[in-house]
Protein backbone atom coordinates (compact mmCIF):
# COMPACT_ATOMS: atom_id res chain seq x y z
CA MET A 1 -47.12 69.25 -106.33
CA SER A 2 -46.43 70.36 -109.91
CA PRO A 3 -42.94 70.07 -111.47
CA SER A 4 -42.72 73.87 -111.64
CA ALA A 5 -43.38 74.20 -107.89
CA THR A 6 -40.78 71.50 -107.15
CA ALA A 7 -38.20 73.31 -109.24
CA GLN A 8 -38.76 76.51 -107.24
CA ILE A 9 -38.14 74.74 -103.89
CA LEU A 10 -35.27 72.40 -104.68
CA PRO A 11 -31.88 74.09 -105.17
CA GLU A 12 -30.28 73.91 -108.60
CA ARG A 13 -26.71 73.76 -107.32
CA TRP A 14 -24.74 71.61 -104.97
CA PRO A 15 -24.02 73.04 -101.49
CA ALA A 16 -20.62 74.36 -100.55
CA VAL A 17 -18.51 73.36 -97.58
CA GLY A 18 -19.62 75.27 -94.45
CA GLU A 19 -23.16 75.94 -95.62
CA LEU A 20 -26.19 74.93 -93.57
CA VAL A 21 -28.64 72.62 -95.36
CA GLN A 22 -31.85 70.79 -94.58
CA VAL A 23 -32.07 67.07 -95.38
CA ARG A 24 -34.49 64.47 -94.04
CA SER A 25 -36.24 66.98 -91.74
CA ARG A 26 -33.02 67.93 -89.94
CA ARG A 27 -30.47 70.69 -90.23
CA TRP A 28 -26.94 69.72 -91.26
CA LEU A 29 -23.57 71.41 -91.70
CA VAL A 30 -21.80 70.55 -94.96
CA ASP A 31 -18.44 69.01 -94.13
CA GLU A 32 -17.32 67.82 -97.59
CA VAL A 33 -18.62 67.68 -101.18
CA VAL A 34 -17.30 64.84 -103.40
CA GLN A 35 -17.67 65.57 -107.09
CA PRO A 36 -19.09 62.77 -109.30
CA ARG A 37 -16.71 60.90 -111.62
CA THR A 38 -19.02 61.10 -114.61
CA SER A 39 -21.46 63.76 -115.72
CA GLY A 40 -25.14 63.27 -114.96
CA GLU A 41 -24.50 61.73 -111.53
CA SER A 42 -25.11 63.32 -108.13
CA ALA A 43 -22.43 64.66 -105.83
CA LEU A 44 -21.76 62.86 -102.55
CA VAL A 45 -22.24 65.30 -99.66
CA ARG A 46 -20.89 64.53 -96.17
CA LEU A 47 -22.98 66.16 -93.43
CA ALA A 48 -22.81 66.72 -89.65
CA CYS A 49 -26.09 67.22 -87.77
CA ALA A 50 -26.66 70.62 -86.17
CA ASP A 51 -29.85 69.80 -84.23
CA ASP A 52 -29.65 69.51 -80.43
CA ASP A 53 -31.04 65.99 -80.17
CA ALA A 54 -28.48 64.51 -82.62
CA GLN A 55 -25.70 67.05 -82.61
CA GLY A 56 -22.53 65.87 -84.40
CA GLN A 57 -24.13 62.81 -85.99
CA LEU A 58 -22.60 62.10 -89.44
CA LEU A 59 -24.51 61.37 -92.65
CA ASP A 60 -23.50 60.81 -96.31
CA VAL A 61 -26.12 61.53 -98.96
CA PHE A 62 -26.35 61.77 -102.74
CA TRP A 63 -27.55 65.34 -102.96
CA ASP A 64 -29.71 65.15 -106.08
CA TYR A 65 -31.69 62.19 -104.76
CA GLU A 66 -32.87 63.83 -101.51
CA LEU A 67 -36.49 64.91 -101.87
CA ASP A 68 -36.52 67.62 -99.18
CA ARG A 69 -33.04 69.09 -99.82
CA ARG A 70 -32.65 72.79 -99.16
CA ILE A 71 -29.78 75.20 -98.71
CA LEU A 72 -30.54 77.37 -95.70
CA LYS A 73 -29.47 80.99 -96.10
CA ASP A 74 -31.76 83.05 -93.89
CA GLU A 75 -30.84 81.73 -90.43
CA GLY A 76 -30.63 85.11 -88.78
CA TRP A 77 -26.90 85.20 -88.18
CA ARG A 78 -26.65 88.57 -89.92
CA ASP A 79 -29.14 90.07 -87.45
CA LEU A 80 -27.12 89.00 -84.44
CA ALA A 81 -26.39 91.94 -82.04
CA VAL A 82 -28.12 94.43 -84.35
CA LYS A 83 -30.18 95.70 -81.41
CA GLY A 84 -27.19 95.79 -79.08
CA PHE A 85 -26.14 93.54 -76.20
CA ASP A 86 -28.19 92.59 -73.15
CA PRO A 87 -27.43 94.27 -69.82
CA PRO A 88 -24.83 92.31 -67.81
CA ARG A 89 -27.34 91.37 -65.07
CA GLN A 90 -29.86 90.01 -67.57
CA PHE A 91 -27.21 88.14 -69.54
CA ALA A 92 -25.78 86.67 -66.30
CA ALA A 93 -29.23 85.33 -65.35
CA PHE A 94 -29.53 83.73 -68.79
CA LEU A 95 -26.05 82.23 -68.52
CA HIS A 96 -26.69 80.82 -65.03
CA THR A 97 -29.95 79.31 -66.24
CA LEU A 98 -28.11 77.52 -69.02
CA ARG A 99 -25.49 76.28 -66.59
CA TRP A 100 -28.08 74.95 -64.13
CA ASN A 101 -29.87 73.14 -66.95
CA CYS A 102 -26.63 71.60 -68.16
CA VAL A 103 -25.42 70.12 -64.85
CA THR A 104 -24.00 66.67 -65.42
CA ALA A 105 -23.36 63.76 -63.10
CA THR A 106 -19.65 64.56 -63.20
CA ASP A 107 -19.94 67.93 -61.42
CA PRO A 108 -20.78 67.49 -57.70
CA ASN A 109 -20.51 71.19 -56.94
CA LEU A 110 -23.66 72.36 -58.74
CA PHE A 111 -27.05 71.55 -57.19
CA GLN A 112 -30.40 71.42 -58.95
CA SER A 113 -32.82 69.92 -56.44
CA PRO A 114 -32.93 72.89 -54.01
CA PHE A 115 -34.20 75.11 -56.83
CA ARG A 116 -36.79 72.56 -57.97
CA ALA A 117 -38.43 71.99 -54.59
CA GLY A 118 -41.10 73.87 -52.70
CA ILE A 119 -39.01 74.40 -49.57
CA LYS A 120 -37.26 77.17 -47.73
CA ILE A 121 -33.57 76.46 -48.16
CA ASP A 122 -31.44 76.41 -45.02
CA ALA A 123 -27.69 76.33 -45.42
CA TYR A 124 -27.12 73.41 -43.06
CA GLN A 125 -29.49 71.20 -45.10
CA MET A 126 -27.12 71.42 -48.09
CA GLU A 127 -24.31 69.55 -46.32
CA PRO A 128 -25.84 66.02 -46.69
CA LEU A 129 -26.48 66.75 -50.39
CA ARG A 130 -22.87 67.89 -50.86
CA LYS A 131 -21.51 64.77 -49.17
CA ALA A 132 -23.82 62.46 -51.10
CA LEU A 133 -22.76 63.80 -54.50
CA ARG A 134 -19.09 63.31 -53.65
CA LEU A 135 -19.55 59.60 -52.97
CA PRO A 136 -19.21 57.11 -55.86
CA ARG A 137 -22.32 55.42 -54.47
CA VAL A 138 -24.58 57.28 -52.09
CA ASN A 139 -24.01 55.33 -48.87
CA LEU A 140 -24.79 58.10 -46.38
CA PHE A 141 -26.01 58.14 -42.78
CA ILE A 142 -27.95 61.31 -41.86
CA ALA A 143 -27.95 61.38 -38.05
CA ASP A 144 -29.16 64.93 -37.44
CA ASP A 145 -31.01 65.83 -34.29
CA THR A 146 -34.80 65.62 -34.16
CA GLY A 147 -36.44 68.59 -35.86
CA LEU A 148 -33.57 69.50 -38.20
CA GLY A 149 -35.37 68.16 -41.27
CA LYS A 150 -33.94 64.75 -42.12
CA THR A 151 -36.92 64.12 -44.41
CA ILE A 152 -36.13 67.31 -46.36
CA GLU A 153 -32.46 66.37 -46.62
CA ALA A 154 -33.32 62.89 -47.87
CA GLY A 155 -35.79 64.36 -50.38
CA LEU A 156 -33.12 66.73 -51.74
CA ILE A 157 -30.72 63.84 -52.29
CA ALA A 158 -33.36 61.65 -53.94
CA ARG A 159 -34.47 64.48 -56.24
CA GLU A 160 -30.88 65.29 -57.20
CA LEU A 161 -30.11 61.66 -58.04
CA LEU A 162 -33.21 61.49 -60.22
CA LEU A 163 -32.25 64.68 -62.04
CA ARG A 164 -28.75 63.38 -62.66
CA LYS A 165 -30.09 60.02 -63.90
CA LYS A 166 -28.17 58.22 -61.16
CA ALA A 167 -31.36 56.85 -59.60
CA LYS A 168 -34.44 55.46 -61.29
CA THR A 169 -36.23 53.51 -58.56
CA ILE A 170 -36.63 54.51 -54.89
CA VAL A 171 -37.86 52.50 -51.91
CA VAL A 172 -38.49 54.31 -48.61
CA SER A 173 -38.86 52.07 -45.56
CA ALA A 174 -40.28 53.80 -42.50
CA PRO A 175 -42.37 53.05 -39.40
CA PRO A 176 -46.02 52.58 -40.36
CA SER A 177 -47.19 55.62 -38.42
CA VAL A 178 -45.19 58.05 -40.60
CA LEU A 179 -45.78 56.55 -44.06
CA GLU A 180 -48.56 59.02 -44.87
CA GLN A 181 -46.37 61.88 -43.67
CA TRP A 182 -43.53 60.74 -45.93
CA LYS A 183 -45.91 60.45 -48.87
CA GLY A 184 -47.28 63.96 -48.36
CA GLU A 185 -43.86 65.56 -47.83
CA LEU A 186 -42.28 64.01 -50.92
CA GLU A 187 -45.24 64.85 -53.13
CA ASP A 188 -45.93 68.38 -51.88
CA ARG A 189 -42.33 69.57 -51.54
CA PHE A 190 -40.51 67.65 -54.28
CA GLY A 191 -43.20 66.55 -56.73
CA LEU A 192 -42.34 62.87 -56.23
CA VAL A 193 -45.32 60.53 -56.26
CA PHE A 194 -44.87 57.42 -54.09
CA GLU A 195 -47.14 54.43 -53.63
CA ILE A 196 -47.59 52.92 -50.16
CA LEU A 197 -47.10 49.19 -50.62
CA ASP A 198 -49.33 47.40 -48.13
CA ARG A 199 -52.06 44.79 -48.10
CA ALA A 200 -54.53 47.11 -49.81
CA TYR A 201 -52.11 47.95 -52.63
CA LEU A 202 -51.18 44.27 -53.08
CA ALA A 203 -54.86 43.28 -53.30
CA ARG A 204 -55.58 46.08 -55.78
CA MET A 205 -52.69 45.10 -58.07
CA ARG A 206 -53.73 41.45 -58.02
CA ARG A 207 -57.28 42.46 -58.87
CA GLU A 208 -56.21 44.75 -61.72
CA ARG A 209 -53.23 42.85 -63.18
CA GLY A 210 -53.62 39.27 -62.09
CA PHE A 211 -52.70 37.21 -59.06
CA GLY A 212 -49.17 36.45 -60.27
CA VAL A 213 -48.10 40.09 -60.69
CA ASN A 214 -45.05 41.27 -58.78
CA PRO A 215 -46.29 44.42 -56.99
CA TRP A 216 -42.78 45.93 -56.95
CA ARG A 217 -42.78 46.02 -60.76
CA THR A 218 -45.95 48.11 -60.97
CA HIS A 219 -44.32 51.42 -59.98
CA SER A 220 -40.87 52.96 -59.61
CA ARG A 221 -41.21 54.61 -56.17
CA PHE A 222 -42.58 52.90 -53.06
CA LEU A 223 -43.14 53.50 -49.36
CA VAL A 224 -43.15 50.36 -47.21
CA SER A 225 -43.36 49.61 -43.51
CA HIS A 226 -40.40 48.18 -41.59
CA ASN A 227 -42.44 45.15 -40.57
CA LEU A 228 -43.31 44.20 -44.15
CA LEU A 229 -39.63 43.79 -45.06
CA VAL A 230 -39.61 40.78 -42.75
CA ASP A 231 -42.77 39.28 -44.26
CA PRO A 232 -41.93 36.86 -47.13
CA THR A 233 -45.14 37.93 -48.89
CA TYR A 234 -43.51 41.31 -49.58
CA ALA A 235 -39.78 40.57 -49.18
CA ASP A 236 -39.56 37.70 -51.68
CA PRO A 237 -41.05 39.70 -54.61
CA LEU A 238 -38.73 42.56 -53.64
CA ARG A 239 -35.69 40.27 -53.93
CA GLU A 240 -36.92 39.03 -57.31
CA TRP A 241 -37.32 42.63 -58.48
CA LEU A 242 -33.93 43.78 -57.26
CA GLY A 243 -31.93 40.73 -58.27
CA PRO A 244 -28.29 40.60 -57.09
CA LEU A 245 -27.98 44.36 -57.69
CA LEU A 246 -30.43 46.72 -59.34
CA PRO A 247 -28.60 49.65 -61.00
CA GLY A 248 -30.08 53.05 -60.28
CA SER A 249 -31.91 51.91 -57.13
CA LEU A 250 -32.03 53.92 -53.89
CA LEU A 251 -33.04 52.67 -50.43
CA ILE A 252 -34.03 55.28 -47.83
CA LEU A 253 -34.29 53.74 -44.36
CA ASP A 254 -36.00 55.96 -41.82
CA GLU A 255 -35.41 55.28 -38.10
CA ALA A 256 -32.44 53.14 -39.11
CA HIS A 257 -31.43 52.45 -35.51
CA HIS A 258 -34.16 49.79 -35.38
CA ALA A 259 -31.99 47.69 -37.69
CA ALA A 260 -29.10 47.58 -35.21
CA PRO A 261 -28.77 44.62 -32.82
CA ALA A 262 -29.88 45.53 -29.32
CA SER A 263 -27.23 43.61 -27.37
CA GLY A 264 -23.57 44.40 -26.92
CA GLY A 265 -22.07 40.99 -27.72
CA ARG A 266 -19.27 40.58 -30.16
CA TYR A 267 -21.64 40.35 -33.11
CA GLY A 268 -24.86 41.21 -31.33
CA ILE A 269 -28.08 39.23 -31.44
CA GLU A 270 -29.58 40.21 -34.77
CA THR A 271 -33.32 40.62 -35.02
CA LYS A 272 -35.44 39.48 -37.93
CA PHE A 273 -35.41 43.03 -39.24
CA THR A 274 -31.60 43.17 -39.08
CA ARG A 275 -31.25 39.92 -41.03
CA ALA A 276 -33.84 40.98 -43.60
CA LEU A 277 -32.12 44.32 -44.13
CA ARG A 278 -28.71 42.65 -44.44
CA ASP A 279 -30.05 40.65 -47.37
CA LEU A 280 -31.96 43.50 -49.02
CA ALA A 281 -29.67 46.52 -48.52
CA GLY A 282 -26.85 45.07 -50.61
CA ARG A 283 -29.17 44.74 -53.59
CA PHE A 284 -29.61 48.54 -53.80
CA GLU A 285 -26.99 50.63 -55.55
CA HIS A 286 -27.51 53.61 -53.22
CA ARG A 287 -28.39 53.55 -49.51
CA LEU A 288 -29.50 56.42 -47.30
CA PHE A 289 -30.03 55.83 -43.55
CA LEU A 290 -31.83 58.30 -41.28
CA SER A 291 -31.83 58.30 -37.50
CA ALA A 292 -31.65 60.84 -34.69
CA THR A 293 -30.21 58.18 -32.34
CA PRO A 294 -27.66 56.20 -34.39
CA HIS A 295 -25.70 54.82 -31.41
CA ASN A 296 -27.36 52.68 -28.72
CA GLY A 297 -24.30 52.55 -26.47
CA HIS A 298 -22.89 49.29 -27.85
CA SER A 299 -19.99 49.74 -30.28
CA ASN A 300 -20.53 46.32 -31.90
CA SER A 301 -24.18 47.10 -32.52
CA PHE A 302 -23.19 50.42 -34.08
CA SER A 303 -20.58 48.78 -36.33
CA THR A 304 -23.21 46.28 -37.49
CA LEU A 305 -25.51 49.13 -38.45
CA LEU A 306 -22.70 50.82 -40.40
CA GLU A 307 -21.89 47.53 -42.11
CA LEU A 308 -25.46 47.40 -43.42
CA LEU A 309 -24.88 50.87 -44.86
CA ASP A 310 -21.39 50.31 -46.32
CA PRO A 311 -19.89 46.81 -45.99
CA TYR A 312 -16.67 47.92 -47.70
CA ARG A 313 -15.74 50.45 -45.01
CA PHE A 314 -17.13 48.80 -41.87
CA THR A 315 -17.34 45.29 -40.41
CA ARG A 316 -19.46 44.06 -37.55
CA GLY A 317 -17.50 43.15 -34.48
CA VAL A 318 -14.75 45.63 -35.38
CA LYS A 319 -14.96 48.87 -33.42
CA VAL A 320 -15.25 51.99 -35.55
CA ARG A 321 -11.97 53.85 -35.10
CA GLY A 322 -11.03 57.17 -36.55
CA LYS A 323 -13.22 60.19 -37.06
CA LYS A 324 -12.23 60.49 -40.71
CA ALA A 325 -13.75 57.15 -41.77
CA LEU A 326 -17.00 58.00 -40.02
CA ASP A 327 -17.20 61.56 -41.37
CA GLU A 328 -17.09 60.27 -44.94
CA VAL A 329 -20.42 58.50 -44.59
CA MET A 330 -22.18 60.30 -41.72
CA VAL A 331 -23.68 63.74 -41.12
CA ARG A 332 -24.38 64.48 -37.46
CA ARG A 333 -25.54 67.89 -36.18
CA LEU A 334 -27.37 68.85 -32.98
CA LYS A 335 -29.80 71.70 -32.50
CA GLU A 336 -27.32 73.36 -30.15
CA ASP A 337 -24.75 73.42 -32.97
CA ILE A 338 -27.15 74.96 -35.48
CA ARG A 339 -28.49 77.41 -32.90
CA ALA A 340 -24.96 78.63 -32.18
CA VAL A 341 -24.26 79.21 -35.89
CA GLN A 342 -27.50 80.61 -37.31
CA GLY A 343 -30.11 80.49 -34.55
CA GLY A 344 -33.73 79.74 -35.33
CA PHE A 345 -34.32 76.90 -32.87
CA PRO A 346 -35.84 77.79 -29.47
CA LYS A 347 -34.29 76.22 -26.42
CA ARG A 348 -36.43 73.55 -24.82
CA ASN A 349 -36.75 73.51 -21.04
CA VAL A 350 -38.28 70.43 -19.41
CA VAL A 351 -39.82 71.26 -16.02
CA ARG A 352 -41.00 68.39 -13.87
CA GLN A 353 -44.45 68.83 -12.34
CA VAL A 354 -44.80 66.93 -9.07
CA ILE A 355 -48.30 65.88 -8.05
CA GLU A 356 -48.35 65.77 -4.26
CA GLY A 357 -50.60 66.55 -1.38
CA LEU A 358 -53.28 64.05 -2.41
CA PRO A 359 -55.57 62.80 0.36
CA ASP A 360 -55.24 59.18 1.40
CA GLY A 361 -58.70 58.49 0.04
CA ALA A 362 -57.94 59.56 -3.54
CA PRO A 363 -59.13 56.82 -5.93
CA GLU A 364 -55.68 56.45 -7.53
CA LEU A 365 -54.04 55.82 -4.15
CA VAL A 366 -56.79 53.48 -2.92
CA LEU A 367 -56.62 51.39 -6.09
CA SER A 368 -52.83 51.30 -5.84
CA ARG A 369 -52.99 49.93 -2.28
CA PHE A 370 -55.60 47.36 -3.21
CA LEU A 371 -53.55 46.27 -6.22
CA ASP A 372 -50.46 45.87 -4.04
CA GLU A 373 -52.36 43.66 -1.63
CA TYR A 374 -53.74 41.69 -4.55
CA ARG A 375 -50.21 41.13 -5.83
CA GLU A 376 -49.03 39.83 -2.46
CA ALA A 377 -52.00 37.50 -2.08
CA ARG A 378 -51.60 36.22 -5.62
CA GLU A 379 -47.89 35.54 -5.16
CA GLN A 380 -48.66 33.57 -2.02
CA ARG A 381 -51.22 31.38 -3.78
CA LEU A 382 -49.02 30.77 -6.84
CA ALA A 383 -45.85 30.06 -4.85
CA GLY A 384 -46.00 26.34 -5.65
CA THR A 385 -46.55 26.68 -9.41
CA SER A 386 -43.96 26.63 -12.19
CA ARG A 387 -41.59 29.52 -12.82
CA ARG A 388 -43.31 30.21 -16.13
CA ALA A 389 -46.69 30.59 -14.41
CA GLN A 390 -45.19 32.88 -11.76
CA ALA A 391 -43.54 35.02 -14.46
CA ALA A 392 -46.86 35.33 -16.32
CA ALA A 393 -48.60 36.33 -13.08
CA GLY A 394 -45.95 38.96 -12.32
CA LEU A 395 -46.13 40.34 -15.83
CA LEU A 396 -49.88 40.58 -15.60
CA VAL A 397 -49.73 42.60 -12.36
CA VAL A 398 -47.14 44.92 -13.93
CA GLY A 399 -49.52 45.45 -16.81
CA LEU A 400 -52.35 46.32 -14.41
CA GLN A 401 -50.07 48.77 -12.58
CA GLN A 402 -49.20 50.52 -15.82
CA ARG A 403 -52.87 50.70 -16.77
CA LEU A 404 -53.59 52.34 -13.41
CA LEU A 405 -50.78 54.87 -13.95
CA SER A 406 -52.24 55.61 -17.39
CA SER A 407 -55.84 56.20 -16.29
CA ILE A 408 -58.57 54.69 -14.18
CA GLU A 409 -60.54 54.02 -17.38
CA ALA A 410 -57.73 51.89 -18.84
CA PHE A 411 -57.33 50.08 -15.51
CA ALA A 412 -61.07 49.38 -15.32
CA ARG A 413 -61.11 47.80 -18.80
CA SER A 414 -58.12 45.54 -18.14
CA LEU A 415 -59.32 44.62 -14.64
CA LYS A 416 -62.71 43.56 -15.98
CA VAL A 417 -61.12 41.18 -18.48
CA HIS A 418 -58.72 39.78 -15.88
CA ARG A 419 -61.52 39.37 -13.31
CA ALA A 420 -63.71 37.40 -15.70
CA THR A 421 -60.85 35.25 -16.97
CA VAL A 422 -59.38 34.31 -13.60
CA GLN A 423 -62.81 33.40 -12.25
CA ARG A 424 -63.54 31.27 -15.30
CA GLN A 425 -60.17 29.52 -15.03
CA TRP A 426 -60.68 28.81 -11.33
CA GLU A 427 -64.11 27.33 -11.90
CA LYS A 428 -62.82 25.11 -14.71
CA GLY A 429 -59.83 23.88 -12.72
CA LEU A 430 -57.14 23.71 -15.41
CA GLU A 431 -54.67 21.36 -13.70
CA ALA A 432 -53.92 19.65 -17.03
CA ALA A 433 -53.41 22.84 -19.04
CA SER A 434 -49.88 23.62 -17.89
CA GLY A 435 -48.31 22.21 -21.05
CA SER A 436 -50.47 24.26 -23.44
CA THR A 437 -49.95 27.78 -22.15
CA GLU A 438 -46.39 28.66 -23.19
CA LEU A 439 -46.10 32.37 -23.82
CA SER A 440 -43.26 34.45 -25.18
CA GLY A 441 -42.44 38.08 -24.43
CA ALA A 442 -43.83 39.12 -27.79
CA ASP A 443 -47.15 37.47 -26.94
CA LEU A 444 -47.54 39.76 -23.91
CA GLN A 445 -45.97 42.92 -25.30
CA LEU A 446 -49.11 45.03 -25.03
CA LEU A 447 -49.32 44.34 -21.28
CA THR A 448 -46.20 46.35 -20.47
CA THR A 449 -45.60 48.72 -23.40
CA ALA A 450 -47.84 50.70 -25.69
CA PRO A 451 -47.30 50.33 -29.46
CA ASP A 452 -44.64 52.77 -30.64
CA SER A 453 -44.29 54.39 -34.06
CA ASP A 454 -42.33 51.38 -35.37
CA ASP A 455 -45.19 49.01 -34.60
CA GLU A 456 -47.95 48.58 -37.15
CA ARG A 457 -50.39 48.27 -34.23
CA ALA A 458 -49.95 52.01 -33.73
CA ASP A 459 -52.28 52.43 -36.72
CA TRP A 460 -54.95 50.10 -35.34
CA SER A 461 -58.29 51.45 -34.29
CA ASP A 462 -59.23 51.64 -30.61
CA GLU A 463 -61.46 48.59 -31.02
CA GLU A 464 -58.69 46.50 -32.63
CA LEU A 465 -56.14 47.51 -29.99
CA GLU A 466 -58.55 46.80 -27.15
CA ALA A 467 -59.34 43.37 -28.61
CA ALA A 468 -55.61 42.54 -28.81
CA GLU A 469 -55.07 43.68 -25.22
CA THR A 470 -58.00 41.55 -24.11
CA ARG A 471 -56.53 38.46 -25.77
CA GLN A 472 -53.16 39.02 -24.10
CA ILE A 473 -54.69 39.55 -20.66
CA GLU A 474 -56.72 36.38 -21.04
CA ALA A 475 -53.65 34.45 -22.19
CA ALA A 476 -51.49 35.72 -19.32
CA THR A 477 -54.21 34.97 -16.77
CA ALA A 478 -54.70 31.44 -18.12
CA ALA A 479 -50.94 30.82 -18.11
CA ALA A 480 -50.67 31.95 -14.48
CA GLU A 481 -53.64 29.85 -13.32
CA ALA A 482 -52.55 26.69 -15.15
CA GLY A 483 -51.41 23.98 -12.76
CA THR A 484 -52.54 25.69 -9.54
CA SER A 485 -53.87 23.46 -6.79
CA ARG A 486 -57.55 23.41 -5.81
CA ASP A 487 -57.35 22.41 -2.14
CA ALA A 488 -59.08 24.16 0.76
CA ALA A 489 -56.14 26.47 1.55
CA ALA A 490 -55.85 27.57 -2.08
CA GLU A 491 -59.59 28.19 -2.23
CA ALA A 492 -59.45 30.38 0.87
CA MET A 493 -56.66 32.46 -0.67
CA TRP A 494 -58.60 32.68 -3.92
CA ARG A 495 -61.69 33.98 -2.11
CA ALA A 496 -59.54 36.70 -0.52
CA GLU A 497 -58.23 37.65 -3.97
CA GLU A 498 -61.80 37.67 -5.25
CA ARG A 499 -62.87 40.17 -2.59
CA LEU A 500 -59.94 42.45 -3.53
CA LEU A 501 -60.94 42.22 -7.19
CA ASP A 502 -64.51 43.15 -6.24
CA HIS A 503 -63.30 46.19 -4.30
CA MET A 504 -61.07 47.39 -7.13
CA GLU A 505 -63.73 46.82 -9.76
CA GLU A 506 -66.31 48.76 -7.72
CA ILE A 507 -63.98 51.76 -7.18
CA ALA A 508 -62.75 51.80 -10.79
CA GLY A 509 -66.33 51.63 -12.04
CA ARG A 510 -67.32 54.67 -9.98
CA PHE A 511 -64.42 56.87 -11.08
CA ARG A 512 -63.56 55.59 -14.55
CA HIS A 513 -65.36 58.46 -16.32
CA VAL A 514 -64.09 61.22 -14.01
CA PRO A 515 -60.90 63.15 -14.93
CA ASP A 516 -58.05 61.81 -12.83
CA VAL A 517 -55.52 63.81 -10.88
CA LYS A 518 -53.09 64.12 -13.81
CA ALA A 519 -55.81 65.46 -16.10
CA GLN A 520 -56.98 67.91 -13.43
CA ARG A 521 -53.44 69.16 -12.80
CA LEU A 522 -52.86 69.56 -16.55
CA ILE A 523 -56.05 71.58 -16.93
CA ASP A 524 -55.06 73.77 -13.98
CA TRP A 525 -51.59 74.35 -15.44
CA ILE A 526 -53.06 75.33 -18.82
CA ARG A 527 -55.45 77.77 -17.17
CA GLU A 528 -52.72 79.32 -15.03
CA ASN A 529 -50.02 79.60 -17.70
CA LEU A 530 -51.76 79.75 -21.08
CA CYS A 531 -55.11 81.37 -20.37
CA PRO A 532 -55.00 83.04 -16.95
CA ASP A 533 -58.08 85.12 -17.79
CA CYS A 534 -60.21 82.00 -18.15
CA ARG A 535 -62.76 81.59 -15.43
CA ARG A 536 -61.96 78.62 -13.23
CA SER A 537 -64.78 76.22 -12.43
CA ASP A 538 -64.36 73.05 -10.42
CA ASN A 539 -67.49 71.55 -11.96
CA GLN A 540 -66.41 71.85 -15.61
CA MET A 541 -66.11 68.64 -17.62
CA GLY A 542 -67.80 66.63 -14.86
CA ARG A 543 -64.81 67.17 -12.61
CA PRO A 544 -65.35 66.50 -8.87
CA ARG A 545 -64.83 69.35 -6.46
CA SER A 546 -61.48 69.71 -4.79
CA GLY A 547 -61.11 67.40 -1.82
CA THR A 548 -63.42 64.65 -3.15
CA THR A 549 -62.09 61.31 -1.91
CA VAL A 550 -63.08 57.71 -1.55
CA ALA A 551 -64.37 56.97 1.93
CA CYS A 552 -62.20 54.09 3.04
CA SER A 553 -59.54 53.23 5.54
CA SER A 554 -56.03 54.50 4.88
CA SER A 555 -54.83 50.91 5.26
CA PRO A 556 -57.53 48.67 3.79
CA ARG A 557 -57.35 45.01 4.71
CA ILE A 558 -58.74 41.94 2.96
CA ALA A 559 -61.29 41.37 5.74
CA ARG A 560 -63.08 44.64 4.93
CA GLY A 561 -65.97 44.25 2.55
CA PRO A 562 -67.70 46.77 0.28
CA SER A 563 -69.17 48.44 3.38
CA GLY A 564 -65.74 49.79 4.20
CA ILE A 565 -65.54 51.75 0.96
């Protein structure tokens, strides 16, 4: 740039107090001008920044030595209100927009997250957000009824804390069956991207960033299964990441009632999940518990759960007294309450459907009678064994009964495994195996209960679940047969049991692929109540005609062979 061009841009005078100048690529307000002591020197100008990102910042400069100095005159102040004022409605919208964008962490009465989420706002869903913002630390228990939107309420609180810079990292712990649902809800409705931390994610991070990487340090928002918080492979790196207390961290615990002790003793028998959560929850600055069933009937168990949420207000073993203390940290509404205030929730009527009038030869009834006889014969043969073997045998029969109540197909699969295992064990003669077949309740859990949403086995494929059931049936059968005698009387009883197993296996094999009575009654109910115009056909879906039975005696005995079926 030529000297003449520079002279045209740079001002020839010093600025006056109150003028707006530009120095070092920023706009400044002149606060003071100090005249030089001798001629030929530059004046000292004291400035205050007028830009938004550094408003009020002070700066002292020697005016003549600043290369980009300018005195700003045409800032448009003279044109203000030349065209008149905005209409009150338009100006109010502009003012409210500014206020919403300027909400600070010190004002709990102004919400931002409901207006930055893709949801339909219901008034009752604002109450948890209001309570959370009034707490110094968000230690809140949302115990709303099923279907009231606890996930939405938790998402509103998490989004609000992020907007207010009170939360930076979020960990959501939920049953494995709902992790994908949580991920989709938080991303679609609130724009929050979460990573599901599981074996696949851990392997991918180790492959991309090295084996020694802490997976919890690779992202700021995670979804993790309840069961993995007990596993040291995932819990130990989490403790290292959190430290004694991680500022700006939020823990959202879905189905929080699983963390409460199940017994009603003074302190309750804590599970592994309870102990793991006791160690981890205190390392988060904010805690948010969600459960539709917060109380299991034991006051000490409930106080332990509240202690995990807020150890300063509650103590395990001390009964929670006073509604005021509980209201400060808990939000509890039922559908009946919301329906009475604003409506919107249909009333649910549960009508029991009784299946009766079945012929004595129905396959379900015949198999039930055979299974009862098999239980009696088995108890007689195992009467002289250990209590552990008798308990395993009883548990196995209970499992077979539940399979039969589920479906003939499920019963046929389990019976086939049991039949092969018990025959193999009898032929081997495992008198010396009694000390090697100790089983716990957890080892036989699949025999009596199906995996619920809190069990990672709920996400297993049918093949994986069937393989696990097979292993448990084989283990229970081996435990029951261990130590049994092999004399002539025991062999005679075993042969009677074998004939019963043959009868049951033959009947189950014939009817395992035919819809059972429950399925038939359900189809009939759907046709009668949901699609009455549908044409009824007894032969649809391979269904047997009405009145089809198994030709057998109403009171089958062990002496009857396959010819009696």
